[in-house]
């Protein structure tokens, strides 16, 4: 059975200088469609010469399933309440498409 290793990166600042040590390899860099995601992907790709970079909705910010906020901690309920109707539909659709 084939296996994959997935590195996830959030947007932020590095807390130590890059020294070329422990640099992971990769077959591709995939990022969401937002400009900040493209910027982060560009930074990652600079340390992986020759690795292709792709923008994809599947890596974008979305709600993977439309959760009922009742019973959730208040902070999570507020986060879900801030999601638009489109995000409530698009997120589950994208998650289902990825599983297919």
N, C-alpha and C. Protein backbone atom coordinates (compact mmCIF):
# COMPACT_ATOMS: atom_id res chain seq x y z
N UNK A 1 0.85 -1.17 0.00
CA UNK A 1 0.00 0.00 0.00
C UNK A 1 0.89 1.24 0.00
N UNK A 2 0.60 2.18 -0.89
CA UNK A 2 1.36 3.42 -0.96
C UNK A 2 1.02 4.31 0.23
N UNK A 3 1.97 5.12 0.64
CA UNK A 3 1.70 6.04 1.74
C UNK A 3 2.10 7.45 1.31
N UNK A 4 1.54 8.42 2.00
CA UNK A 4 1.84 9.83 1.74
C UNK A 4 2.16 10.50 3.06
N UNK A 5 3.00 11.49 2.99
CA UNK A 5 3.31 12.30 4.16
C UNK A 5 2.82 13.70 3.85
N UNK A 6 2.00 14.25 4.71
CA UNK A 6 1.40 15.56 4.50
C UNK A 6 1.93 16.53 5.54
N UNK A 7 2.51 17.63 5.09
CA UNK A 7 2.94 18.70 5.97
C UNK A 7 1.92 19.82 5.86
N UNK A 8 1.39 20.28 6.98
CA UNK A 8 0.45 21.39 7.00
C UNK A 8 1.16 22.61 7.55
N UNK A 9 0.94 23.75 6.92
CA UNK A 9 1.56 24.99 7.39
C UNK A 9 0.49 26.04 7.57
N UNK A 10 0.55 26.72 8.69
CA UNK A 10 -0.31 27.87 8.93
C UNK A 10 0.50 29.11 8.61
N UNK A 11 -0.18 30.19 8.35
CA UNK A 11 0.49 31.44 8.05
C UNK A 11 1.06 32.00 9.35
N UNK A 12 2.28 32.39 9.32
CA UNK A 12 2.89 32.92 10.53
C UNK A 12 4.35 33.23 10.30
N UNK A 13 5.02 33.59 11.35
CA UNK A 13 6.43 33.91 11.26
C UNK A 13 7.24 32.78 11.85
N UNK A 14 8.39 32.57 11.26
CA UNK A 14 9.31 31.56 11.73
C UNK A 14 9.92 32.02 13.04
N UNK A 15 10.06 31.11 13.99
CA UNK A 15 10.61 31.51 15.28
C UNK A 15 12.10 31.26 15.41
N UNK A 16 12.72 30.73 14.36
CA UNK A 16 14.17 30.56 14.37
C UNK A 16 14.66 30.65 12.92
N UNK A 17 15.90 31.03 12.72
CA UNK A 17 16.40 31.17 11.35
C UNK A 17 16.50 29.82 10.65
N UNK A 18 16.22 29.83 9.37
CA UNK A 18 16.37 28.61 8.57
C UNK A 18 17.85 28.34 8.39
N UNK A 19 18.28 27.13 8.67
CA UNK A 19 19.70 26.81 8.55
C UNK A 19 19.96 25.71 7.54
N UNK A 20 18.91 25.30 6.83
CA UNK A 20 19.09 24.25 5.84
C UNK A 20 19.05 22.85 6.42
N UNK A 21 18.96 22.74 7.73
CA UNK A 21 18.90 21.43 8.38
C UNK A 21 17.45 20.96 8.45
N UNK A 22 17.26 19.69 8.48
CA UNK A 22 15.93 19.09 8.65
C UNK A 22 14.94 19.59 7.61
N UNK A 23 15.39 19.82 6.39
CA UNK A 23 14.51 20.30 5.33
C UNK A 23 13.75 19.11 4.75
N UNK A 24 12.43 19.12 4.85
CA UNK A 24 11.67 17.99 4.29
C UNK A 24 11.66 18.04 2.78
N UNK A 25 11.54 16.88 2.17
CA UNK A 25 11.36 16.82 0.72
C UNK A 25 9.89 16.88 0.41
N UNK A 26 9.56 16.93 -0.84
CA UNK A 26 8.15 16.95 -1.20
C UNK A 26 7.98 16.79 -2.69
N UNK A 27 6.84 16.26 -3.07
CA UNK A 27 6.52 16.08 -4.48
C UNK A 27 5.81 17.29 -5.04
N UNK A 28 5.10 18.04 -4.19
CA UNK A 28 4.36 19.22 -4.63
C UNK A 28 3.97 20.06 -3.43
N UNK A 29 3.71 21.33 -3.68
CA UNK A 29 3.18 22.24 -2.66
C UNK A 29 1.79 22.64 -3.14
N UNK A 30 0.79 22.35 -2.33
CA UNK A 30 -0.60 22.71 -2.65
C UNK A 30 -1.04 23.78 -1.66
N UNK A 31 -1.71 24.81 -2.17
CA UNK A 31 -2.18 25.87 -1.29
C UNK A 31 -3.58 26.31 -1.68
N UNK A 32 -4.26 26.92 -0.73
CA UNK A 32 -5.59 27.45 -0.98
C UNK A 32 -5.53 28.66 -1.89
N UNK A 33 -6.70 29.16 -2.32
CA UNK A 33 -6.75 30.23 -3.30
C UNK A 33 -6.49 31.64 -2.76
N UNK A 34 -6.44 31.82 -1.46
CA UNK A 34 -6.25 33.16 -0.91
C UNK A 34 -4.81 33.64 -1.12
N UNK A 35 -4.62 34.96 -1.31
CA UNK A 35 -3.27 35.49 -1.53
C UNK A 35 -2.28 35.14 -0.41
N UNK A 36 -2.72 35.16 0.84
CA UNK A 36 -1.79 34.84 1.93
C UNK A 36 -1.33 33.39 1.86
N UNK A 37 -2.20 32.50 1.36
CA UNK A 37 -1.81 31.10 1.20
C UNK A 37 -0.78 30.96 0.08
N UNK A 38 -0.97 31.71 -1.00
CA UNK A 38 -0.01 31.69 -2.11
C UNK A 38 1.34 32.22 -1.65
N UNK A 39 1.34 33.25 -0.81
CA UNK A 39 2.60 33.80 -0.29
C UNK A 39 3.33 32.77 0.57
N UNK A 40 2.59 32.11 1.45
CA UNK A 40 3.20 31.08 2.30
C UNK A 40 3.74 29.93 1.46
N UNK A 41 2.97 29.51 0.46
CA UNK A 41 3.42 28.43 -0.42
C UNK A 41 4.69 28.83 -1.16
N UNK A 42 4.77 30.09 -1.57
CA UNK A 42 5.97 30.56 -2.25
C UNK A 42 7.20 30.49 -1.35
N UNK A 43 7.01 30.84 -0.08
CA UNK A 43 8.12 30.75 0.88
C UNK A 43 8.58 29.30 1.06
N UNK A 44 7.62 28.40 1.16
CA UNK A 44 7.95 26.98 1.30
C UNK A 44 8.65 26.48 0.05
N UNK A 45 8.12 26.84 -1.11
CA UNK A 45 8.66 26.35 -2.38
C UNK A 45 10.10 26.81 -2.63
N UNK A 46 10.46 27.97 -2.08
CA UNK A 46 11.84 28.45 -2.26
C UNK A 46 12.87 27.48 -1.68
N UNK A 47 12.47 26.74 -0.65
CA UNK A 47 13.41 25.78 -0.06
C UNK A 47 13.28 24.39 -0.69
N UNK A 48 12.41 24.26 -1.69
CA UNK A 48 12.22 22.98 -2.38
C UNK A 48 12.35 23.20 -3.89
N UNK A 49 13.56 23.49 -4.37
CA UNK A 49 13.74 23.78 -5.79
C UNK A 49 13.20 22.66 -6.69
N UNK A 50 12.48 23.07 -7.73
CA UNK A 50 11.96 22.11 -8.69
C UNK A 50 10.64 21.48 -8.31
N UNK A 51 10.16 21.74 -7.10
CA UNK A 51 8.88 21.16 -6.66
C UNK A 51 7.75 22.07 -7.17
N UNK A 52 6.76 21.50 -7.89
CA UNK A 52 5.68 22.33 -8.42
C UNK A 52 4.76 22.85 -7.31
N UNK A 53 4.16 24.01 -7.59
CA UNK A 53 3.24 24.66 -6.66
C UNK A 53 1.88 24.77 -7.33
N UNK A 54 0.82 24.37 -6.62
CA UNK A 54 -0.53 24.38 -7.17
C UNK A 54 -1.50 25.07 -6.21
N UNK A 55 -2.37 25.91 -6.76
CA UNK A 55 -3.48 26.46 -6.00
C UNK A 55 -4.67 25.52 -6.15
N UNK A 56 -5.35 25.23 -5.06
CA UNK A 56 -6.52 24.35 -5.11
C UNK A 56 -7.53 24.73 -4.05
N UNK A 57 -8.79 24.69 -4.42
CA UNK A 57 -9.88 24.95 -3.47
C UNK A 57 -9.85 23.94 -2.32
N UNK A 58 -9.39 22.72 -2.60
CA UNK A 58 -9.39 21.68 -1.56
C UNK A 58 -8.51 22.04 -0.38
N UNK A 59 -7.51 22.90 -0.60
CA UNK A 59 -6.63 23.32 0.50
C UNK A 59 -7.06 24.66 1.08
N UNK A 60 -8.17 25.18 0.64
CA UNK A 60 -8.63 26.48 1.10
C UNK A 60 -9.29 26.43 2.47
N UNK A 61 -9.64 27.61 2.94
CA UNK A 61 -10.35 27.72 4.22
C UNK A 61 -11.79 27.33 3.99
N UNK A 62 -12.23 26.27 4.64
CA UNK A 62 -13.63 25.89 4.53
C UNK A 62 -14.04 25.07 5.75
N UNK A 63 -15.32 25.00 5.94
CA UNK A 63 -15.93 24.25 7.03
C UNK A 63 -16.18 22.84 6.52
N UNK A 64 -15.45 21.82 6.98
CA UNK A 64 -15.58 20.48 6.39
C UNK A 64 -16.96 19.85 6.55
N UNK A 65 -17.68 20.22 7.59
CA UNK A 65 -19.06 19.76 7.72
C UNK A 65 -19.83 20.79 8.52
N UNK A 66 -21.12 20.87 8.26
CA UNK A 66 -21.96 21.88 8.90
C UNK A 66 -22.39 21.35 10.26
N UNK A 67 -21.68 21.75 11.28
CA UNK A 67 -21.90 21.27 12.64
C UNK A 67 -22.96 22.12 13.33
N UNK A 68 -23.81 21.48 14.09
CA UNK A 68 -24.78 22.19 14.92
C UNK A 68 -24.01 22.78 16.10
N UNK A 69 -24.04 24.12 16.27
CA UNK A 69 -23.25 24.73 17.34
C UNK A 69 -23.78 24.47 18.75
N UNK A 70 -24.99 23.94 18.86
CA UNK A 70 -25.55 23.67 20.20
C UNK A 70 -24.65 22.67 20.93
N UNK A 71 -24.29 23.01 22.13
CA UNK A 71 -23.47 22.11 22.94
C UNK A 71 -21.97 22.31 22.76
N UNK A 72 -21.57 23.15 21.81
CA UNK A 72 -20.14 23.42 21.63
C UNK A 72 -19.69 24.49 22.62
N UNK A 73 -18.40 24.53 22.93
CA UNK A 73 -17.90 25.64 23.75
C UNK A 73 -18.22 26.97 23.05
N UNK A 74 -18.46 28.02 23.81
CA UNK A 74 -18.87 29.30 23.22
C UNK A 74 -17.95 29.81 22.11
N UNK A 75 -16.64 29.66 22.26
CA UNK A 75 -15.72 30.15 21.24
C UNK A 75 -15.94 29.43 19.91
N UNK A 76 -16.16 28.12 19.96
CA UNK A 76 -16.40 27.36 18.74
C UNK A 76 -17.77 27.71 18.14
N UNK A 77 -18.74 27.89 18.98
CA UNK A 77 -20.08 28.26 18.50
C UNK A 77 -20.02 29.61 17.79
N UNK A 78 -19.26 30.57 18.34
CA UNK A 78 -19.12 31.88 17.68
C UNK A 78 -18.41 31.74 16.34
N UNK A 79 -17.40 30.90 16.29
CA UNK A 79 -16.68 30.67 15.03
C UNK A 79 -17.63 30.13 13.96
N UNK A 80 -18.42 29.14 14.33
CA UNK A 80 -19.37 28.57 13.37
C UNK A 80 -20.44 29.58 12.97
N UNK A 81 -20.88 30.40 13.92
CA UNK A 81 -21.90 31.41 13.61
C UNK A 81 -21.39 32.43 12.60
N UNK A 82 -20.08 32.63 12.55
CA UNK A 82 -19.50 33.60 11.62
C UNK A 82 -19.39 33.06 10.20
N UNK A 83 -19.62 31.77 9.99
CA UNK A 83 -19.53 31.18 8.66
C UNK A 83 -20.74 31.59 7.84
N UNK A 84 -20.49 31.93 6.59
CA UNK A 84 -21.57 32.35 5.69
C UNK A 84 -22.36 31.13 5.23
N UNK A 85 -23.58 31.35 4.70
CA UNK A 85 -24.34 30.24 4.14
C UNK A 85 -23.56 29.51 3.04
N UNK A 86 -22.82 30.25 2.23
CA UNK A 86 -22.02 29.61 1.17
C UNK A 86 -20.96 28.69 1.77
N UNK A 87 -20.30 29.15 2.84
CA UNK A 87 -19.28 28.32 3.48
C UNK A 87 -19.90 27.06 4.07
N UNK A 88 -21.11 27.17 4.56
CA UNK A 88 -21.79 26.00 5.15
C UNK A 88 -22.13 24.97 4.08
N UNK A 89 -22.31 25.41 2.83
CA UNK A 89 -22.60 24.49 1.73
C UNK A 89 -21.32 24.04 1.04
N UNK A 90 -20.44 25.00 0.74
CA UNK A 90 -19.23 24.69 -0.02
C UNK A 90 -18.25 23.79 0.74
N UNK A 91 -18.09 24.01 2.03
CA UNK A 91 -17.16 23.20 2.80
C UNK A 91 -17.49 21.72 2.75
N UNK A 92 -18.73 21.33 3.11
CA UNK A 92 -19.07 19.90 3.02
C UNK A 92 -18.96 19.35 1.60
N UNK A 93 -19.30 20.18 0.59
CA UNK A 93 -19.20 19.73 -0.80
C UNK A 93 -17.74 19.45 -1.16
N UNK A 94 -16.83 20.34 -0.79
CA UNK A 94 -15.42 20.14 -1.07
C UNK A 94 -14.87 18.93 -0.32
N UNK A 95 -15.26 18.78 0.94
CA UNK A 95 -14.79 17.63 1.73
C UNK A 95 -15.28 16.32 1.11
N UNK A 96 -16.53 16.30 0.65
CA UNK A 96 -17.07 15.08 0.02
C UNK A 96 -16.36 14.80 -1.30
N UNK A 97 -16.05 15.84 -2.07
CA UNK A 97 -15.36 15.65 -3.33
C UNK A 97 -13.96 15.09 -3.10
N UNK A 98 -13.30 15.54 -2.03
CA UNK A 98 -11.96 15.06 -1.73
C UNK A 98 -11.98 13.59 -1.34
N UNK A 99 -13.01 13.18 -0.61
CA UNK A 99 -13.10 11.77 -0.18
C UNK A 99 -13.40 10.86 -1.35
N UNK A 100 -13.98 11.39 -2.42
CA UNK A 100 -14.36 10.54 -3.58
C UNK A 100 -13.18 10.06 -4.35
